[in-house]
Amino acid sequence: MEFARVGGLALGAAWLVWTLYRHVGVYLARGRVLAVTAPVLARVVALAGLVVALAAPGLVTWSAAGAAIAIALVVRLAQVWVVAGAPIERVLERAELVLRGMSLSSEVAGRSLEGADGRLRITVTVPLGRRAQLLRVRSPRGIKKLDLFRANLRKFLLAIGRGEAR
């Protein structure tokens, strides 16, 4: 049983480190804006909770792991993104560019953007500073064009260098 716990701990920790490296470390090292999408953020939260529970098994840590998995599910369903390194105006400008390139209409109203005839809404949920924020990117799942928009928006945001982000 101890062998399985240690193996699970090593596997979970390796997966967590790899996920953080691939989605955060690479872009920090390259001097790029960070754009962590809801699936990645949910994976990091769930893995962190699982690694803690496997490192020190007990009722409290397993409860914390359960809470982390519940939080990860909420993050995933709420479609929360973390964007750091660019002001919200630059993020919304990039979102408009992507929508325009996909022949979809959009309208910016303050700190939010609505597009695709109301099917897409990007809102600043929590400002984390002048150049970092939690965004809620709400759109129905299963519409291929909006799924493509989310992928393209992430690429457009990651392409911004921190020096370029006004």
N, C-alpha and C. Protein backbone atom coordinates (compact mmCIF):
# COMPACT_ATOMS: atom_id res chain seq x y z
N MET A 1 0.83 -1.20 0.00
CA MET A 1 0.00 0.00 0.00
C MET A 1 0.87 1.26 0.00
N GLU A 2 1.93 1.22 0.77
CA GLU A 2 2.85 2.36 0.85
C GLU A 2 3.52 2.62 -0.50
N PHE A 3 3.83 1.53 -1.21
CA PHE A 3 4.46 1.65 -2.53
C PHE A 3 3.52 2.38 -3.49
N ALA A 4 2.23 2.05 -3.46
CA ALA A 4 1.25 2.69 -4.34
C ALA A 4 1.11 4.17 -4.00
N ARG A 5 1.11 4.51 -2.71
CA ARG A 5 0.99 5.90 -2.29
C ARG A 5 2.20 6.71 -2.77
N VAL A 6 3.40 6.17 -2.57
CA VAL A 6 4.61 6.87 -2.99
C VAL A 6 4.66 6.99 -4.52
N GLY A 7 4.27 5.94 -5.21
CA GLY A 7 4.22 6.00 -6.68
C GLY A 7 3.22 7.04 -7.16
N GLY A 8 2.04 7.07 -6.53
CA GLY A 8 1.03 8.07 -6.87
C GLY A 8 1.51 9.47 -6.57
N LEU A 9 2.21 9.63 -5.46
CA LEU A 9 2.77 10.93 -5.09
C LEU A 9 3.78 11.39 -6.14
N ALA A 10 4.68 10.50 -6.53
CA ALA A 10 5.69 10.85 -7.52
C ALA A 10 5.05 11.18 -8.86
N LEU A 11 4.08 10.38 -9.28
CA LEU A 11 3.40 10.62 -10.55
C LEU A 11 2.61 11.93 -10.50
N GLY A 12 1.88 12.16 -9.42
CA GLY A 12 1.10 13.39 -9.29
C GLY A 12 1.98 14.62 -9.25
N ALA A 13 3.09 14.55 -8.50
CA ALA A 13 4.01 15.68 -8.41
C ALA A 13 4.66 15.95 -9.77
N ALA A 14 5.05 14.89 -10.47
CA ALA A 14 5.67 15.06 -11.78
C ALA A 14 4.68 15.70 -12.76
N TRP A 15 3.44 15.26 -12.72
CA TRP A 15 2.42 15.81 -13.62
C TRP A 15 2.15 17.28 -13.28
N LEU A 16 2.11 17.61 -11.99
CA LEU A 16 1.91 18.99 -11.56
C LEU A 16 3.06 19.88 -12.01
N VAL A 17 4.28 19.42 -11.81
CA VAL A 17 5.46 20.19 -12.22
C VAL A 17 5.47 20.38 -13.74
N TRP A 18 5.17 19.31 -14.47
CA TRP A 18 5.15 19.40 -15.93
C TRP A 18 4.08 20.39 -16.39
N THR A 19 2.89 20.34 -15.81
CA THR A 19 1.80 21.24 -16.18
C THR A 19 2.19 22.69 -15.89
N LEU A 20 2.77 22.95 -14.73
CA LEU A 20 3.20 24.31 -14.40
C LEU A 20 4.31 24.78 -15.34
N TYR A 21 5.24 23.90 -15.64
CA TYR A 21 6.33 24.26 -16.56
C TYR A 21 5.76 24.59 -17.94
N ARG A 22 4.91 23.71 -18.45
CA ARG A 22 4.41 23.85 -19.81
C ARG A 22 3.49 25.05 -20.00
N HIS A 23 2.69 25.37 -18.98
CA HIS A 23 1.69 26.43 -19.14
C HIS A 23 2.06 27.74 -18.44
N VAL A 24 3.08 27.73 -17.60
CA VAL A 24 3.47 28.95 -16.89
C VAL A 24 4.97 29.22 -17.09
N GLY A 25 5.80 28.27 -16.74
CA GLY A 25 7.25 28.46 -16.76
C GLY A 25 7.82 28.85 -18.11
N VAL A 26 7.37 28.20 -19.15
CA VAL A 26 7.88 28.48 -20.49
C VAL A 26 7.60 29.93 -20.87
N TYR A 27 6.39 30.40 -20.59
CA TYR A 27 6.01 31.75 -20.98
C TYR A 27 6.66 32.81 -20.10
N LEU A 28 6.89 32.48 -18.83
CA LEU A 28 7.64 33.40 -17.97
C LEU A 28 9.07 33.53 -18.45
N ALA A 29 9.69 32.40 -18.80
CA ALA A 29 11.07 32.41 -19.27
C ALA A 29 11.21 33.17 -20.59
N ARG A 30 10.22 33.11 -21.43
CA ARG A 30 10.26 33.80 -22.72
C ARG A 30 9.81 35.26 -22.63
N GLY A 31 9.38 35.68 -21.45
CA GLY A 31 8.93 37.06 -21.28
C GLY A 31 7.59 37.32 -21.93
N ARG A 32 6.71 36.35 -21.92
CA ARG A 32 5.39 36.46 -22.54
C ARG A 32 4.31 36.68 -21.48
N VAL A 33 3.18 37.09 -21.95
CA VAL A 33 2.00 37.23 -21.10
C VAL A 33 1.53 35.82 -20.74
N LEU A 34 1.05 35.64 -19.52
CA LEU A 34 0.50 34.35 -19.10
C LEU A 34 -0.99 34.32 -19.37
N ALA A 35 -1.47 33.26 -19.93
CA ALA A 35 -2.89 33.04 -20.14
C ALA A 35 -3.17 31.59 -19.76
N VAL A 36 -3.64 31.40 -18.54
CA VAL A 36 -3.92 30.05 -18.04
C VAL A 36 -5.41 29.82 -18.16
N THR A 37 -5.80 28.87 -18.99
CA THR A 37 -7.21 28.61 -19.26
C THR A 37 -7.85 27.81 -18.14
N ALA A 38 -9.17 27.73 -18.19
CA ALA A 38 -9.92 27.03 -17.15
C ALA A 38 -9.51 25.56 -17.00
N PRO A 39 -9.35 24.79 -18.08
CA PRO A 39 -8.96 23.39 -17.90
C PRO A 39 -7.58 23.24 -17.23
N VAL A 40 -6.65 24.10 -17.59
CA VAL A 40 -5.31 24.03 -17.00
C VAL A 40 -5.36 24.45 -15.54
N LEU A 41 -6.06 25.53 -15.24
CA LEU A 41 -6.19 26.00 -13.86
C LEU A 41 -6.86 24.94 -12.99
N ALA A 42 -7.89 24.31 -13.51
CA ALA A 42 -8.58 23.25 -12.76
C ALA A 42 -7.65 22.06 -12.52
N ARG A 43 -6.86 21.71 -13.53
CA ARG A 43 -5.91 20.60 -13.39
C ARG A 43 -4.87 20.90 -12.32
N VAL A 44 -4.36 22.13 -12.30
CA VAL A 44 -3.35 22.50 -11.29
C VAL A 44 -3.93 22.43 -9.89
N VAL A 45 -5.13 22.95 -9.70
CA VAL A 45 -5.76 22.94 -8.37
C VAL A 45 -6.01 21.50 -7.92
N ALA A 46 -6.56 20.67 -8.79
CA ALA A 46 -6.85 19.28 -8.44
C ALA A 46 -5.57 18.51 -8.14
N LEU A 47 -4.56 18.68 -8.97
CA LEU A 47 -3.29 17.97 -8.74
C LEU A 47 -2.62 18.42 -7.45
N ALA A 48 -2.66 19.71 -7.17
CA ALA A 48 -2.06 20.20 -5.93
C ALA A 48 -2.75 19.58 -4.72
N GLY A 49 -4.07 19.52 -4.74
CA GLY A 49 -4.80 18.89 -3.64
C GLY A 49 -4.49 17.42 -3.50
N LEU A 50 -4.38 16.73 -4.61
CA LEU A 50 -4.07 15.30 -4.59
C LEU A 50 -2.65 15.04 -4.09
N VAL A 51 -1.70 15.84 -4.53
CA VAL A 51 -0.31 15.67 -4.10
C VAL A 51 -0.19 15.90 -2.59
N VAL A 52 -0.87 16.91 -2.07
CA VAL A 52 -0.84 17.17 -0.63
C VAL A 52 -1.44 15.99 0.13
N ALA A 53 -2.55 15.46 -0.36
CA ALA A 53 -3.19 14.32 0.32
C ALA A 53 -2.31 13.08 0.29
N LEU A 54 -1.62 12.85 -0.81
CA LEU A 54 -0.74 11.68 -0.90
C LEU A 54 0.54 11.86 -0.08
N ALA A 55 0.99 13.11 0.07
CA ALA A 55 2.21 13.37 0.82
C ALA A 55 2.02 13.12 2.31
N ALA A 56 0.89 13.51 2.82
CA ALA A 56 0.61 13.34 4.25
C ALA A 56 -0.82 12.81 4.41
N PRO A 57 -1.01 11.51 4.20
CA PRO A 57 -2.37 10.98 4.24
C PRO A 57 -2.99 11.10 5.63
N GLY A 58 -4.21 11.46 5.62
CA GLY A 58 -4.97 11.61 6.85
C GLY A 58 -6.33 12.18 6.49
N LEU A 59 -7.22 12.18 7.46
CA LEU A 59 -8.57 12.66 7.20
C LEU A 59 -8.59 14.12 6.76
N VAL A 60 -7.78 14.94 7.39
CA VAL A 60 -7.76 16.37 7.04
C VAL A 60 -7.23 16.59 5.64
N THR A 61 -6.15 15.93 5.28
CA THR A 61 -5.57 16.15 3.95
C THR A 61 -6.45 15.55 2.85
N TRP A 62 -7.11 14.43 3.12
CA TRP A 62 -8.02 13.88 2.13
C TRP A 62 -9.25 14.77 1.98
N SER A 63 -9.68 15.39 3.07
CA SER A 63 -10.78 16.36 2.97
C SER A 63 -10.35 17.57 2.15
N ALA A 64 -9.11 18.02 2.37
CA ALA A 64 -8.58 19.14 1.60
C ALA A 64 -8.47 18.77 0.12
N ALA A 65 -8.08 17.54 -0.16
CA ALA A 65 -7.99 17.09 -1.56
C ALA A 65 -9.39 17.07 -2.19
N GLY A 66 -10.36 16.62 -1.43
CA GLY A 66 -11.74 16.65 -1.93
C GLY A 66 -12.21 18.07 -2.21
N ALA A 67 -11.86 18.99 -1.31
CA ALA A 67 -12.22 20.40 -1.51
C ALA A 67 -11.51 20.96 -2.74
N ALA A 68 -10.23 20.59 -2.93
CA ALA A 68 -9.48 21.06 -4.10
C ALA A 68 -10.12 20.55 -5.39
N ILE A 69 -10.55 19.32 -5.39
CA ILE A 69 -11.19 18.76 -6.59
C ILE A 69 -12.53 19.45 -6.84
N ALA A 70 -13.26 19.77 -5.77
CA ALA A 70 -14.53 20.51 -5.93
C ALA A 70 -14.26 21.91 -6.48
N ILE A 71 -13.24 22.58 -5.98
CA ILE A 71 -12.88 23.90 -6.48
C ILE A 71 -12.46 23.82 -7.94
N ALA A 72 -11.71 22.78 -8.28
CA ALA A 72 -11.29 22.59 -9.67
C ALA A 72 -12.50 22.42 -10.59
N LEU A 73 -13.49 21.69 -10.13
CA LEU A 73 -14.70 21.50 -10.92
C LEU A 73 -15.45 22.82 -11.10
N VAL A 74 -15.53 23.62 -10.04
CA VAL A 74 -16.18 24.92 -10.13
C VAL A 74 -15.42 25.84 -11.10
N VAL A 75 -14.09 25.85 -11.00
CA VAL A 75 -13.27 26.67 -11.91
C VAL A 75 -13.51 26.25 -13.35
N ARG A 76 -13.56 24.97 -13.58
CA ARG A 76 -13.76 24.44 -14.94
C ARG A 76 -15.14 24.81 -15.48
N LEU A 77 -16.17 24.64 -14.65
CA LEU A 77 -17.53 24.94 -15.09
C LEU A 77 -17.77 26.45 -15.25
N ALA A 78 -17.11 27.25 -14.40
CA ALA A 78 -17.27 28.71 -14.48
C ALA A 78 -16.43 29.31 -15.60
N GLN A 79 -15.53 28.52 -16.18
CA GLN A 79 -14.67 28.95 -17.28
C GLN A 79 -13.82 30.16 -16.89
N VAL A 80 -13.10 30.02 -15.77
CA VAL A 80 -12.24 31.08 -15.24
C VAL A 80 -10.85 30.95 -15.83
N TRP A 81 -10.30 32.07 -16.32
CA TRP A 81 -8.94 32.14 -16.84
C TRP A 81 -8.14 33.08 -15.97
N VAL A 82 -6.84 32.88 -15.89
CA VAL A 82 -5.93 33.83 -15.26
C VAL A 82 -5.06 34.41 -16.37
N VAL A 83 -5.07 35.73 -16.48
CA VAL A 83 -4.23 36.42 -17.47
C VAL A 83 -3.36 37.40 -16.69
N ALA A 84 -2.05 37.27 -16.84
CA ALA A 84 -1.12 38.14 -16.12
C ALA A 84 -0.08 38.68 -17.10
N GLY A 85 0.23 39.96 -16.95
CA GLY A 85 1.25 40.57 -17.78
C GLY A 85 0.72 41.55 -18.80
N ALA A 86 -0.60 41.69 -18.90
CA ALA A 86 -1.19 42.63 -19.86
C ALA A 86 -2.40 43.29 -19.21
N PRO A 87 -2.61 44.57 -19.48
CA PRO A 87 -3.80 45.23 -18.95
C PRO A 87 -5.06 44.70 -19.64
N ILE A 88 -6.19 44.85 -18.99
CA ILE A 88 -7.44 44.30 -19.52
C ILE A 88 -7.79 44.90 -20.87
N GLU A 89 -7.42 46.16 -21.09
CA GLU A 89 -7.72 46.78 -22.38
C GLU A 89 -7.02 46.02 -23.52
N ARG A 90 -5.79 45.60 -23.28
CA ARG A 90 -5.02 44.85 -24.29
C ARG A 90 -5.64 43.47 -24.51
N VAL A 91 -6.09 42.83 -23.43
CA VAL A 91 -6.73 41.52 -23.53
C VAL A 91 -8.01 41.61 -24.36
N LEU A 92 -8.84 42.61 -24.07
CA LEU A 92 -10.09 42.77 -24.81
C LEU A 92 -9.83 43.16 -26.27
N GLU A 93 -8.77 43.94 -26.50
CA GLU A 93 -8.38 44.29 -27.87
C GLU A 93 -8.01 43.03 -28.65
N ARG A 94 -7.25 42.14 -28.02
CA ARG A 94 -6.88 40.88 -28.68
C ARG A 94 -8.11 40.00 -28.94
N ALA A 95 -9.03 39.98 -27.98
CA ALA A 95 -10.26 39.19 -28.16
C ALA A 95 -11.07 39.74 -29.33
N GLU A 96 -11.14 41.06 -29.45
CA GLU A 96 -11.84 41.66 -30.59
C GLU A 96 -11.18 41.28 -31.91
N LEU A 97 -9.85 41.31 -31.95
CA LEU A 97 -9.13 40.93 -33.16
C LEU A 97 -9.45 39.49 -33.58
N VAL A 98 -9.46 38.60 -32.60
CA VAL A 98 -9.75 37.19 -32.90
C VAL A 98 -11.17 37.05 -33.43
N LEU A 99 -12.12 37.71 -32.78
CA LEU A 99 -13.51 37.63 -33.23
C LEU A 99 -13.67 38.21 -34.63
N ARG A 100 -13.02 39.35 -34.88
CA ARG A 100 -13.11 39.97 -36.19
C ARG A 100 -12.50 39.05 -37.24
N GLY A 101 -11.39 38.40 -36.92
CA GLY A 101 -10.76 37.47 -37.85
C GLY A 101 -11.61 36.24 -38.14
N MET A 102 -12.52 35.93 -37.23
CA MET A 102 -13.42 34.79 -37.43
C MET A 102 -14.77 35.23 -37.98
N SER A 103 -14.88 36.49 -38.38
CA SER A 103 -16.12 37.07 -38.93
C SER A 103 -17.26 37.05 -37.93
N LEU A 104 -16.93 37.29 -36.66
CA LEU A 104 -17.93 37.39 -35.61
C LEU A 104 -17.94 38.82 -35.09
N SER A 105 -19.11 39.30 -34.76
CA SER A 105 -19.23 40.67 -34.25
C SER A 105 -18.90 40.69 -32.76
N SER A 106 -18.50 41.88 -32.27
CA SER A 106 -18.20 42.02 -30.85
C SER A 106 -18.44 43.46 -30.42
N GLU A 107 -18.62 43.62 -29.12
CA GLU A 107 -18.83 44.94 -28.54
C GLU A 107 -18.19 44.97 -27.16
N VAL A 108 -17.33 45.97 -26.95
CA VAL A 108 -16.68 46.14 -25.65
C VAL A 108 -17.49 47.14 -24.85
N ALA A 109 -17.81 46.76 -23.63
CA ALA A 109 -18.55 47.64 -22.72
C ALA A 109 -17.81 47.66 -21.39
N GLY A 110 -16.99 48.69 -21.18
CA GLY A 110 -16.24 48.80 -19.93
C GLY A 110 -15.19 47.72 -19.83
N ARG A 111 -15.33 46.84 -18.84
CA ARG A 111 -14.36 45.79 -18.59
C ARG A 111 -14.89 44.42 -19.03
N SER A 112 -15.71 44.42 -20.08
CA SER A 112 -16.21 43.15 -20.60
C SER A 112 -16.39 43.26 -22.11
N LEU A 113 -16.50 42.12 -22.74
CA LEU A 113 -16.68 42.03 -24.18
C LEU A 113 -17.79 41.03 -24.44
N GLU A 114 -18.68 41.39 -25.33
CA GLU A 114 -19.73 40.48 -25.73
C GLU A 114 -19.63 40.29 -27.23
N GLY A 115 -19.71 39.06 -27.68
CA GLY A 115 -19.55 38.79 -29.09
C GLY A 115 -20.37 37.61 -29.55
N ALA A 116 -20.28 37.34 -30.83
CA ALA A 116 -20.97 36.21 -31.45
C ALA A 116 -22.47 36.25 -31.18
N ASP A 117 -23.03 37.44 -31.35
CA ASP A 117 -24.48 37.64 -31.14
C ASP A 117 -24.92 37.24 -29.73
N GLY A 118 -24.12 37.57 -28.74
CA GLY A 118 -24.46 37.32 -27.34
C GLY A 118 -24.10 35.94 -26.82
N ARG A 119 -23.55 35.08 -27.67
CA ARG A 119 -23.20 33.73 -27.22
C ARG A 119 -21.88 33.68 -26.48
N LEU A 120 -21.09 34.74 -26.57
CA LEU A 120 -19.77 34.78 -25.95
C LEU A 120 -19.68 36.03 -25.09
N ARG A 121 -19.15 35.87 -23.88
CA ARG A 121 -18.96 37.02 -22.99
C ARG A 121 -17.67 36.83 -22.21
N ILE A 122 -16.81 37.84 -22.26
CA ILE A 122 -15.58 37.84 -21.49
C ILE A 122 -15.71 38.96 -20.47
N THR A 123 -15.59 38.63 -19.20
CA THR A 123 -15.77 39.59 -18.12
C THR A 123 -14.61 39.49 -17.15
N VAL A 124 -14.15 40.64 -16.64
CA VAL A 124 -13.15 40.64 -15.58
C VAL A 124 -13.88 40.28 -14.29
N THR A 125 -13.56 39.13 -13.73
CA THR A 125 -14.19 38.69 -12.50
C THR A 125 -13.51 39.33 -11.30
N VAL A 126 -12.19 39.21 -11.24
CA VAL A 126 -11.41 39.78 -10.14
C VAL A 126 -10.17 40.44 -10.72
N PRO A 127 -10.04 41.77 -10.59
CA PRO A 127 -8.77 42.38 -11.01
C PRO A 127 -7.70 42.07 -9.97
N LEU A 128 -6.58 41.54 -10.42
CA LEU A 128 -5.49 41.17 -9.52
C LEU A 128 -4.38 42.22 -9.54
N GLY A 129 -4.67 43.35 -10.09
CA GLY A 129 -3.69 44.41 -10.26
C GLY A 129 -3.92 45.06 -11.61
N ARG A 130 -3.02 45.98 -11.97
CA ARG A 130 -3.19 46.68 -13.23
C ARG A 130 -2.95 45.78 -14.44
N ARG A 131 -2.09 44.78 -14.28
CA ARG A 131 -1.72 43.93 -15.41
C ARG A 131 -2.01 42.45 -15.18
N ALA A 132 -2.93 42.16 -14.28
CA ALA A 132 -3.31 40.77 -14.03
C ALA A 132 -4.78 40.73 -13.63
N GLN A 133 -5.47 39.71 -14.08
CA GLN A 133 -6.88 39.58 -13.76
C GLN A 133 -7.38 38.16 -13.92
N LEU A 134 -8.47 37.88 -13.20
CA LEU A 134 -9.20 36.64 -13.43
C LEU A 134 -10.32 36.99 -14.40
N LEU A 135 -10.40 36.25 -15.47
CA LEU A 135 -11.44 36.47 -16.47
C LEU A 135 -12.42 35.33 -16.44
N ARG A 136 -13.64 35.62 -16.79
CA ARG A 136 -14.62 34.57 -17.00
C ARG A 136 -14.97 34.60 -18.48
N VAL A 137 -14.59 33.55 -19.17
CA VAL A 137 -14.84 33.44 -20.61
C VAL A 137 -16.02 32.50 -20.76
N ARG A 138 -17.21 33.08 -20.88
CA ARG A 138 -18.43 32.29 -20.93
C ARG A 138 -18.90 32.11 -22.37
N SER A 139 -19.05 30.88 -22.74
CA SER A 139 -19.61 30.55 -24.05
C SER A 139 -20.13 29.13 -23.97
N PRO A 140 -21.14 28.82 -24.74
CA PRO A 140 -21.65 27.45 -24.72
C PRO A 140 -20.64 26.47 -25.29
N ARG A 141 -20.55 25.31 -24.70
CA ARG A 141 -19.66 24.27 -25.21
C ARG A 141 -20.31 23.61 -26.42
N GLY A 142 -19.47 23.06 -27.27
CA GLY A 142 -19.97 22.30 -28.39
C GLY A 142 -20.16 23.10 -29.67
N ILE A 143 -20.05 24.43 -29.58
CA ILE A 143 -20.11 25.24 -30.79
C ILE A 143 -18.68 25.36 -31.28
N LYS A 144 -18.38 24.69 -32.37
CA LYS A 144 -17.00 24.59 -32.83
C LYS A 144 -16.34 25.95 -33.04
N LYS A 145 -17.08 26.91 -33.54
CA LYS A 145 -16.49 28.21 -33.81
C LYS A 145 -16.08 28.90 -32.50
N LEU A 146 -16.86 28.74 -31.44
CA LEU A 146 -16.52 29.35 -30.16
C LEU A 146 -15.40 28.57 -29.46
N ASP A 147 -15.36 27.26 -29.65
CA ASP A 147 -14.23 26.48 -29.14
C ASP A 147 -12.94 26.93 -29.82
N LEU A 148 -13.01 27.17 -31.11
CA LEU A 148 -11.87 27.67 -31.87
C LEU A 148 -11.47 29.07 -31.39
N PHE A 149 -12.47 29.89 -31.05
CA PHE A 149 -12.18 31.23 -30.53
C PHE A 149 -11.35 31.14 -29.25
N ARG A 150 -11.73 30.28 -28.33
CA ARG A 150 -10.98 30.16 -27.06
C ARG A 150 -9.53 29.75 -27.33
N ALA A 151 -9.34 28.81 -28.23
CA ALA A 151 -7.97 28.38 -28.56
C ALA A 151 -7.18 29.52 -29.20
N ASN A 152 -7.81 30.23 -30.11
CA ASN A 152 -7.13 31.34 -30.79
C ASN A 152 -6.86 32.50 -29.84
N LEU A 153 -7.78 32.78 -28.94
CA LEU A 153 -7.57 33.87 -27.97
C LEU A 153 -6.36 33.55 -27.10
N ARG A 154 -6.25 32.32 -26.65
CA ARG A 154 -5.09 31.94 -25.83
C ARG A 154 -3.80 32.15 -26.62
N LYS A 155 -3.78 31.72 -27.87
CA LYS A 155 -2.58 31.90 -28.70
C LYS A 155 -2.25 33.37 -28.90
N PHE A 156 -3.27 34.19 -29.15
CA PHE A 156 -3.05 35.62 -29.35
C PHE A 156 -2.54 36.28 -28.07
N LEU A 157 -3.02 35.84 -26.92
CA LEU A 157 -2.55 36.42 -25.66
C LEU A 157 -1.12 35.99 -25.37
N LEU A 158 -0.80 34.73 -25.61
CA LEU A 158 0.55 34.23 -25.34
C LEU A 158 1.59 34.85 -26.27
N ALA A 159 1.14 35.38 -27.40
CA ALA A 159 2.06 35.99 -28.35
C ALA A 159 2.50 37.39 -27.93
N ILE A 160 1.82 37.96 -26.94
CA ILE A 160 2.16 39.31 -26.49
C ILE A 160 3.38 39.22 -25.60
N GLY A 161 4.41 39.96 -25.92
CA GLY A 161 5.57 40.07 -25.04
C GLY A 161 5.24 41.03 -23.90
N ARG A 162 5.82 40.83 -22.73
CA ARG A 162 5.51 41.74 -21.61
C ARG A 162 5.91 43.17 -21.91
N GLY A 163 6.92 43.39 -22.73
CA GLY A 163 7.32 44.73 -23.11
C GLY A 163 6.29 45.38 -24.05
N GLU A 164 5.60 44.56 -24.85
CA GLU A 164 4.60 45.07 -25.78
C GLU A 164 3.29 45.41 -25.09
N ALA A 165 3.03 44.77 -23.98
CA ALA A 165 1.73 44.93 -23.30
C ALA A 165 1.69 46.28 -22.61
N ARG A 166 1.28 47.25 -23.32
CA ARG A 166 1.22 48.64 -22.85
C ARG A 166 0.93 48.80 -21.40
